[in-house]
N, C-alpha and C. Protein backbone atom coordinates (compact mmCIF):
# COMPACT_ATOMS: atom_id res chain seq x y z
N UNK A 1 15.99 17.31 7.48
CA UNK A 1 16.50 16.45 8.51
C UNK A 1 17.48 17.21 9.40
N UNK A 2 16.94 18.07 10.24
CA UNK A 2 17.76 18.82 11.17
C UNK A 2 17.28 18.56 12.59
N UNK A 3 18.20 18.61 13.52
CA UNK A 3 17.86 18.43 14.93
C UNK A 3 17.44 19.76 15.53
N UNK A 4 16.52 19.69 16.46
CA UNK A 4 16.06 20.89 17.16
C UNK A 4 16.28 20.69 18.65
N UNK A 5 16.73 21.73 19.31
CA UNK A 5 16.94 21.62 20.76
C UNK A 5 15.87 22.38 21.54
N UNK A 6 14.70 22.58 20.95
CA UNK A 6 13.64 23.32 21.63
C UNK A 6 12.98 22.49 22.72
N UNK A 7 13.06 21.17 22.64
CA UNK A 7 12.53 20.30 23.69
C UNK A 7 13.72 19.73 24.44
N UNK A 8 13.79 19.94 25.75
CA UNK A 8 14.94 19.44 26.50
C UNK A 8 14.91 17.91 26.59
N UNK A 9 16.09 17.33 26.72
CA UNK A 9 16.19 15.89 26.89
C UNK A 9 15.59 15.50 28.23
N UNK A 10 14.99 14.33 28.28
CA UNK A 10 14.35 13.84 29.50
C UNK A 10 14.97 12.52 29.93
N UNK A 11 15.06 12.33 31.22
CA UNK A 11 15.47 11.04 31.75
C UNK A 11 14.47 10.65 32.83
N UNK A 12 14.61 9.46 33.36
CA UNK A 12 13.69 8.98 34.40
C UNK A 12 13.80 9.82 35.67
N UNK A 13 14.88 10.55 35.83
CA UNK A 13 15.10 11.33 37.04
C UNK A 13 14.62 12.77 36.92
N UNK A 14 14.26 13.20 35.71
CA UNK A 14 13.77 14.56 35.50
C UNK A 14 12.27 14.62 35.73
N UNK A 15 11.82 15.81 36.16
CA UNK A 15 10.37 16.00 36.27
C UNK A 15 9.78 16.00 34.88
N UNK A 16 8.63 15.32 34.68
CA UNK A 16 8.03 15.29 33.34
C UNK A 16 7.58 16.67 32.89
N UNK A 17 7.60 16.88 31.60
CA UNK A 17 7.12 18.12 31.02
C UNK A 17 5.62 17.96 30.85
N UNK A 18 4.85 18.75 31.60
CA UNK A 18 3.39 18.64 31.55
C UNK A 18 2.87 19.11 30.19
N UNK A 19 1.99 18.32 29.61
CA UNK A 19 1.39 18.65 28.33
C UNK A 19 2.18 18.16 27.13
N UNK A 20 3.35 17.55 27.36
CA UNK A 20 4.17 17.09 26.23
C UNK A 20 3.47 15.97 25.47
N UNK A 21 2.65 15.17 26.16
CA UNK A 21 1.98 14.06 25.48
C UNK A 21 0.82 14.53 24.60
N UNK A 22 0.41 15.77 24.72
CA UNK A 22 -0.70 16.30 23.92
C UNK A 22 -0.21 17.12 22.72
N UNK A 23 1.09 17.23 22.55
CA UNK A 23 1.65 18.02 21.44
C UNK A 23 1.43 17.27 20.13
N UNK A 24 0.95 17.97 19.11
CA UNK A 24 0.76 17.41 17.78
C UNK A 24 1.95 17.83 16.93
N UNK A 25 2.60 16.86 16.33
CA UNK A 25 3.74 17.17 15.47
C UNK A 25 3.26 17.87 14.21
N UNK A 26 3.90 18.97 13.82
CA UNK A 26 3.53 19.63 12.56
C UNK A 26 3.95 18.78 11.36
N UNK A 27 3.38 19.08 10.21
CA UNK A 27 3.75 18.38 8.99
C UNK A 27 5.25 18.51 8.74
N UNK A 28 5.84 17.39 8.30
CA UNK A 28 7.25 17.40 7.97
C UNK A 28 8.18 17.21 9.15
N UNK A 29 7.66 16.97 10.34
CA UNK A 29 8.49 16.80 11.53
C UNK A 29 8.36 15.38 12.06
N UNK A 30 9.39 14.93 12.73
CA UNK A 30 9.38 13.63 13.39
C UNK A 30 10.02 13.80 14.75
N UNK A 31 9.63 12.97 15.69
CA UNK A 31 10.24 12.97 17.02
C UNK A 31 10.97 11.64 17.16
N UNK A 32 12.27 11.70 17.45
CA UNK A 32 13.08 10.50 17.61
C UNK A 32 13.33 10.31 19.09
N UNK A 33 12.90 9.16 19.60
CA UNK A 33 13.04 8.84 21.02
C UNK A 33 14.10 7.76 21.16
N UNK A 34 15.17 8.07 21.89
CA UNK A 34 16.24 7.11 22.15
C UNK A 34 16.05 6.59 23.56
N UNK A 35 15.90 5.28 23.70
CA UNK A 35 15.62 4.69 25.00
C UNK A 35 16.81 3.91 25.52
N UNK A 36 17.08 4.09 26.81
CA UNK A 36 18.10 3.32 27.50
C UNK A 36 17.42 2.72 28.72
N UNK A 37 17.49 1.39 28.85
CA UNK A 37 16.83 0.69 29.95
C UNK A 37 17.88 -0.11 30.70
N UNK A 38 17.95 0.11 31.99
CA UNK A 38 18.93 -0.59 32.85
C UNK A 38 20.34 -0.45 32.30
N UNK A 39 20.67 0.72 31.79
CA UNK A 39 22.00 0.98 31.29
C UNK A 39 22.29 0.42 29.92
N UNK A 40 21.30 -0.20 29.27
CA UNK A 40 21.52 -0.79 27.96
C UNK A 40 20.69 -0.06 26.91
N UNK A 41 21.30 0.13 25.77
CA UNK A 41 20.63 0.81 24.66
C UNK A 41 19.45 -0.05 24.19
N UNK A 42 18.25 0.51 24.24
CA UNK A 42 17.04 -0.21 23.81
C UNK A 42 16.59 0.26 22.43
N UNK A 43 17.40 1.03 21.73
CA UNK A 43 17.09 1.45 20.38
C UNK A 43 16.35 2.77 20.31
N UNK A 44 15.87 3.07 19.12
CA UNK A 44 15.14 4.33 18.92
C UNK A 44 13.72 4.03 18.46
N UNK A 45 12.85 4.96 18.75
CA UNK A 45 11.48 4.93 18.26
C UNK A 45 11.25 6.24 17.53
N UNK A 46 10.72 6.16 16.33
CA UNK A 46 10.47 7.37 15.54
C UNK A 46 8.97 7.61 15.53
N UNK A 47 8.55 8.77 16.00
CA UNK A 47 7.14 9.16 16.03
C UNK A 47 6.89 10.14 14.89
N UNK A 48 5.91 9.83 14.04
CA UNK A 48 5.53 10.72 12.93
C UNK A 48 4.02 10.74 12.83
N UNK A 49 3.50 11.72 12.14
CA UNK A 49 2.06 11.77 11.87
C UNK A 49 1.74 10.78 10.77
N UNK A 50 0.63 10.06 10.88
CA UNK A 50 0.27 9.08 9.85
C UNK A 50 0.18 9.70 8.45
N UNK A 51 -0.24 10.95 8.37
CA UNK A 51 -0.37 11.60 7.06
C UNK A 51 0.99 11.79 6.39
N UNK A 52 2.06 11.85 7.18
CA UNK A 52 3.41 12.05 6.63
C UNK A 52 4.13 10.74 6.34
N UNK A 53 3.58 9.62 6.76
CA UNK A 53 4.32 8.37 6.66
C UNK A 53 4.52 7.92 5.21
N UNK A 54 3.56 8.13 4.34
CA UNK A 54 3.70 7.67 2.95
C UNK A 54 4.88 8.35 2.25
N UNK A 55 5.15 9.60 2.57
CA UNK A 55 6.25 10.31 1.94
C UNK A 55 7.62 9.82 2.39
N UNK A 56 7.68 9.10 3.49
CA UNK A 56 8.95 8.60 3.99
C UNK A 56 9.27 7.20 3.47
N UNK A 57 8.28 6.53 2.91
CA UNK A 57 8.49 5.19 2.39
C UNK A 57 9.05 5.23 0.98
N UNK A 58 9.85 4.23 0.61
CA UNK A 58 10.35 4.21 -0.77
C UNK A 58 9.21 3.97 -1.75
N UNK A 59 9.36 4.51 -2.94
CA UNK A 59 8.33 4.32 -3.97
C UNK A 59 8.26 2.84 -4.35
N UNK A 60 7.07 2.34 -4.64
CA UNK A 60 6.97 0.94 -5.06
C UNK A 60 7.73 0.71 -6.36
N UNK A 61 8.33 -0.46 -6.47
CA UNK A 61 9.13 -0.81 -7.63
C UNK A 61 8.36 -1.85 -8.44
N UNK A 62 8.21 -1.61 -9.73
CA UNK A 62 7.52 -2.54 -10.61
C UNK A 62 8.49 -3.64 -11.03
N UNK A 63 8.20 -4.87 -10.61
CA UNK A 63 9.08 -6.00 -10.89
C UNK A 63 8.29 -7.14 -11.52
N UNK A 64 8.96 -7.88 -12.37
CA UNK A 64 8.35 -9.09 -12.93
C UNK A 64 8.40 -10.20 -11.88
N UNK A 65 7.67 -11.27 -12.11
CA UNK A 65 7.67 -12.41 -11.19
C UNK A 65 9.08 -12.96 -11.03
N UNK A 66 9.82 -13.10 -12.13
CA UNK A 66 11.17 -13.64 -12.08
C UNK A 66 12.12 -12.74 -11.30
N UNK A 67 11.99 -11.42 -11.49
CA UNK A 67 12.83 -10.49 -10.75
C UNK A 67 12.55 -10.57 -9.25
N UNK A 68 11.28 -10.69 -8.88
CA UNK A 68 10.94 -10.83 -7.46
C UNK A 68 11.49 -12.13 -6.89
N UNK A 69 11.45 -13.20 -7.67
CA UNK A 69 12.00 -14.48 -7.21
C UNK A 69 13.49 -14.35 -6.94
N UNK A 70 14.22 -13.71 -7.85
CA UNK A 70 15.67 -13.53 -7.66
C UNK A 70 15.94 -12.69 -6.42
N UNK A 71 15.20 -11.61 -6.21
CA UNK A 71 15.41 -10.78 -5.03
C UNK A 71 15.11 -11.55 -3.74
N UNK A 72 14.00 -12.27 -3.71
CA UNK A 72 13.62 -13.01 -2.51
C UNK A 72 14.63 -14.12 -2.22
N UNK A 73 15.07 -14.84 -3.24
CA UNK A 73 16.06 -15.90 -3.04
C UNK A 73 17.39 -15.31 -2.57
N UNK A 74 17.78 -14.18 -3.12
CA UNK A 74 19.04 -13.53 -2.71
C UNK A 74 18.95 -13.05 -1.27
N UNK A 75 17.79 -12.53 -0.89
CA UNK A 75 17.61 -12.07 0.49
C UNK A 75 17.56 -13.22 1.47
N UNK A 76 17.00 -14.35 1.07
CA UNK A 76 16.69 -15.42 2.00
C UNK A 76 17.75 -16.51 2.12
N UNK A 77 18.54 -16.72 1.10
CA UNK A 77 19.42 -17.89 1.06
C UNK A 77 20.88 -17.51 0.82
N UNK A 78 21.78 -18.35 1.33
CA UNK A 78 23.19 -18.23 1.00
C UNK A 78 23.40 -18.73 -0.42
N UNK A 79 24.45 -18.24 -1.08
CA UNK A 79 24.69 -18.67 -2.45
C UNK A 79 25.26 -20.08 -2.50
N UNK A 80 26.05 -20.46 -1.51
CA UNK A 80 26.62 -21.80 -1.44
C UNK A 80 26.24 -22.41 -0.12
N UNK A 81 25.68 -23.64 -0.16
CA UNK A 81 25.24 -24.30 1.06
C UNK A 81 25.33 -25.81 0.88
N UNK A 82 25.85 -26.49 1.86
CA UNK A 82 25.94 -27.96 1.87
C UNK A 82 26.63 -28.49 0.61
N UNK A 83 27.65 -27.79 0.15
CA UNK A 83 28.39 -28.23 -1.02
C UNK A 83 27.73 -27.93 -2.35
N UNK A 84 26.57 -27.28 -2.33
CA UNK A 84 25.86 -26.94 -3.56
C UNK A 84 26.19 -25.49 -3.91
N UNK A 85 26.86 -25.29 -5.05
CA UNK A 85 27.11 -23.91 -5.47
C UNK A 85 25.87 -23.39 -6.18
N UNK A 86 25.67 -22.10 -6.11
CA UNK A 86 24.47 -21.43 -6.66
C UNK A 86 23.20 -22.04 -6.06
N UNK A 87 23.24 -22.20 -4.75
CA UNK A 87 22.12 -22.77 -3.99
C UNK A 87 20.85 -21.95 -4.15
N UNK A 88 20.99 -20.64 -4.29
CA UNK A 88 19.81 -19.77 -4.47
C UNK A 88 19.02 -20.19 -5.71
N UNK A 89 19.73 -20.36 -6.82
CA UNK A 89 19.03 -20.76 -8.05
C UNK A 89 18.43 -22.15 -7.91
N UNK A 90 19.18 -23.08 -7.32
CA UNK A 90 18.71 -24.45 -7.19
C UNK A 90 17.40 -24.49 -6.40
N UNK A 91 17.33 -23.78 -5.29
CA UNK A 91 16.12 -23.76 -4.47
C UNK A 91 14.99 -23.01 -5.17
N UNK A 92 15.32 -21.90 -5.83
CA UNK A 92 14.29 -21.14 -6.54
C UNK A 92 13.72 -21.96 -7.69
N UNK A 93 14.57 -22.70 -8.38
CA UNK A 93 14.12 -23.56 -9.47
C UNK A 93 13.23 -24.67 -8.93
N UNK A 94 13.61 -25.26 -7.82
CA UNK A 94 12.82 -26.35 -7.23
C UNK A 94 11.46 -25.85 -6.76
N UNK A 95 11.43 -24.68 -6.13
CA UNK A 95 10.18 -24.16 -5.57
C UNK A 95 9.28 -23.47 -6.58
N UNK A 96 9.88 -22.75 -7.52
CA UNK A 96 9.08 -21.90 -8.40
C UNK A 96 9.10 -22.32 -9.87
N UNK A 97 10.07 -23.15 -10.25
CA UNK A 97 10.17 -23.57 -11.65
C UNK A 97 10.89 -22.57 -12.54
N UNK A 98 11.54 -21.56 -11.96
CA UNK A 98 12.27 -20.59 -12.77
C UNK A 98 13.42 -21.28 -13.49
N UNK A 99 13.59 -20.97 -14.78
CA UNK A 99 14.66 -21.60 -15.56
C UNK A 99 15.96 -20.81 -15.37
N UNK A 100 17.07 -21.42 -15.78
CA UNK A 100 18.38 -20.77 -15.68
C UNK A 100 18.40 -19.49 -16.52
N UNK A 101 17.81 -19.52 -17.71
CA UNK A 101 17.79 -18.34 -18.57
C UNK A 101 16.98 -17.21 -17.94
N UNK A 102 15.81 -17.55 -17.38
CA UNK A 102 14.99 -16.54 -16.70
C UNK A 102 15.74 -15.95 -15.52
N UNK A 103 16.42 -16.81 -14.75
CA UNK A 103 17.18 -16.37 -13.58
C UNK A 103 18.27 -15.39 -13.99
N UNK A 104 19.07 -15.76 -14.97
CA UNK A 104 20.19 -14.91 -15.40
C UNK A 104 19.69 -13.60 -15.99
N UNK A 105 18.61 -13.65 -16.77
CA UNK A 105 18.05 -12.43 -17.35
C UNK A 105 17.52 -11.50 -16.27
N UNK A 106 16.79 -12.06 -15.32
CA UNK A 106 16.25 -11.24 -14.23
C UNK A 106 17.38 -10.66 -13.38
N UNK A 107 18.40 -11.45 -13.12
CA UNK A 107 19.54 -10.98 -12.33
C UNK A 107 20.26 -9.83 -13.04
N UNK A 108 20.46 -9.96 -14.36
CA UNK A 108 21.11 -8.88 -15.12
C UNK A 108 20.27 -7.61 -15.09
N UNK A 109 18.95 -7.74 -15.21
CA UNK A 109 18.06 -6.57 -15.14
C UNK A 109 18.15 -5.90 -13.76
N UNK A 110 18.18 -6.71 -12.70
CA UNK A 110 18.24 -6.16 -11.34
C UNK A 110 19.57 -5.45 -11.09
N UNK A 111 20.65 -5.99 -11.63
CA UNK A 111 21.95 -5.33 -11.50
C UNK A 111 21.92 -4.00 -12.24
N UNK A 112 21.34 -3.97 -13.44
CA UNK A 112 21.26 -2.73 -14.22
C UNK A 112 20.41 -1.68 -13.50
N UNK A 113 19.39 -2.10 -12.77
CA UNK A 113 18.51 -1.17 -12.06
C UNK A 113 19.05 -0.78 -10.68
N UNK A 114 20.16 -1.39 -10.26
CA UNK A 114 20.76 -1.04 -8.97
C UNK A 114 20.13 -1.75 -7.79
N UNK A 115 19.30 -2.76 -8.02
CA UNK A 115 18.69 -3.51 -6.93
C UNK A 115 19.61 -4.63 -6.44
N UNK A 116 20.54 -5.05 -7.28
CA UNK A 116 21.64 -5.94 -6.92
C UNK A 116 22.93 -5.23 -7.30
N UNK A 117 24.00 -5.48 -6.54
CA UNK A 117 25.28 -4.89 -6.94
C UNK A 117 25.95 -5.81 -7.96
N UNK A 118 27.13 -5.43 -8.41
CA UNK A 118 27.80 -6.18 -9.48
C UNK A 118 28.14 -7.61 -9.06
N UNK A 119 28.25 -7.88 -7.77
CA UNK A 119 28.53 -9.24 -7.29
C UNK A 119 27.26 -10.07 -7.16
N UNK A 120 26.10 -9.43 -7.30
CA UNK A 120 24.83 -10.13 -7.15
C UNK A 120 24.27 -10.05 -5.75
N UNK A 121 24.85 -9.21 -4.90
CA UNK A 121 24.35 -9.03 -3.53
C UNK A 121 23.27 -7.95 -3.52
N UNK A 122 22.37 -8.04 -2.55
CA UNK A 122 21.28 -7.06 -2.45
C UNK A 122 21.81 -5.68 -2.09
N UNK A 123 21.28 -4.67 -2.75
CA UNK A 123 21.51 -3.29 -2.32
C UNK A 123 20.39 -2.92 -1.35
N UNK A 124 20.47 -1.75 -0.75
CA UNK A 124 19.40 -1.31 0.16
C UNK A 124 18.09 -1.21 -0.60
N UNK A 125 18.13 -0.66 -1.80
CA UNK A 125 16.92 -0.56 -2.61
C UNK A 125 16.37 -1.94 -2.95
N UNK A 126 17.26 -2.90 -3.20
CA UNK A 126 16.83 -4.26 -3.49
C UNK A 126 16.19 -4.92 -2.29
N UNK A 127 16.72 -4.67 -1.11
CA UNK A 127 16.13 -5.23 0.12
C UNK A 127 14.73 -4.66 0.33
N UNK A 128 14.56 -3.37 0.08
CA UNK A 128 13.23 -2.76 0.21
C UNK A 128 12.27 -3.33 -0.84
N UNK A 129 12.75 -3.51 -2.05
CA UNK A 129 11.88 -4.01 -3.13
C UNK A 129 11.50 -5.47 -2.91
N UNK A 130 12.38 -6.24 -2.27
CA UNK A 130 12.09 -7.67 -2.03
C UNK A 130 10.91 -7.85 -1.08
N UNK A 131 10.73 -6.91 -0.18
CA UNK A 131 9.61 -7.00 0.75
C UNK A 131 9.72 -8.17 1.69
N UNK A 132 8.57 -8.68 2.12
CA UNK A 132 8.53 -9.76 3.10
C UNK A 132 8.12 -11.09 2.49
N UNK A 133 8.06 -11.18 1.17
CA UNK A 133 7.65 -12.41 0.52
C UNK A 133 8.67 -13.52 0.78
N UNK A 134 8.22 -14.76 0.63
CA UNK A 134 9.10 -15.92 0.69
C UNK A 134 9.01 -16.65 -0.64
N UNK A 135 9.97 -17.53 -0.88
CA UNK A 135 9.91 -18.31 -2.12
C UNK A 135 8.64 -19.14 -2.19
N UNK A 136 8.12 -19.53 -1.06
CA UNK A 136 6.91 -20.33 -1.02
C UNK A 136 5.74 -19.59 -1.68
N UNK A 137 5.70 -18.27 -1.55
CA UNK A 137 4.60 -17.50 -2.14
C UNK A 137 4.63 -17.51 -3.67
N UNK A 138 5.77 -17.90 -4.26
CA UNK A 138 5.90 -17.98 -5.72
C UNK A 138 5.82 -19.43 -6.21
N UNK A 139 5.45 -20.32 -5.34
CA UNK A 139 5.41 -21.75 -5.66
C UNK A 139 4.53 -22.00 -6.89
N UNK A 140 5.01 -22.85 -7.76
CA UNK A 140 4.25 -23.17 -8.97
C UNK A 140 3.08 -24.08 -8.62
N UNK A 141 2.01 -23.93 -9.36
CA UNK A 141 0.81 -24.76 -9.13
C UNK A 141 1.09 -26.18 -9.62
N UNK A 142 0.71 -27.12 -8.81
CA UNK A 142 0.92 -28.53 -9.18
C UNK A 142 -0.32 -29.12 -9.81
């Protein structure tokens, strides 16, 4: 992860570099494009070769159904809402049928694995492991 100054910075007022759009990035390299539009930061775009993308993603984490429910509920819901303390568990129990014992056991396992911190908040690894699922996807069959 080092910066290279071999390609000059470009702005809308500079003459374009001919042939720059045909350059193929070598393995292990990425091009980071920082965009500013109308004087406002429009964020960055990272260009990589598709063959290199798998190496940049976190490794998949093997989780039980209960552990995934705890992660998704922690990511999606506040712990206290509308006067209900431990709202995450209440909603997860209502939607998925997870018991208090299963919840506490899964939460302790996630804390031990570093996916939740000691307060029960998501770590970066926990946010990645939670993915894009919703509690609805774990709904119990009626």
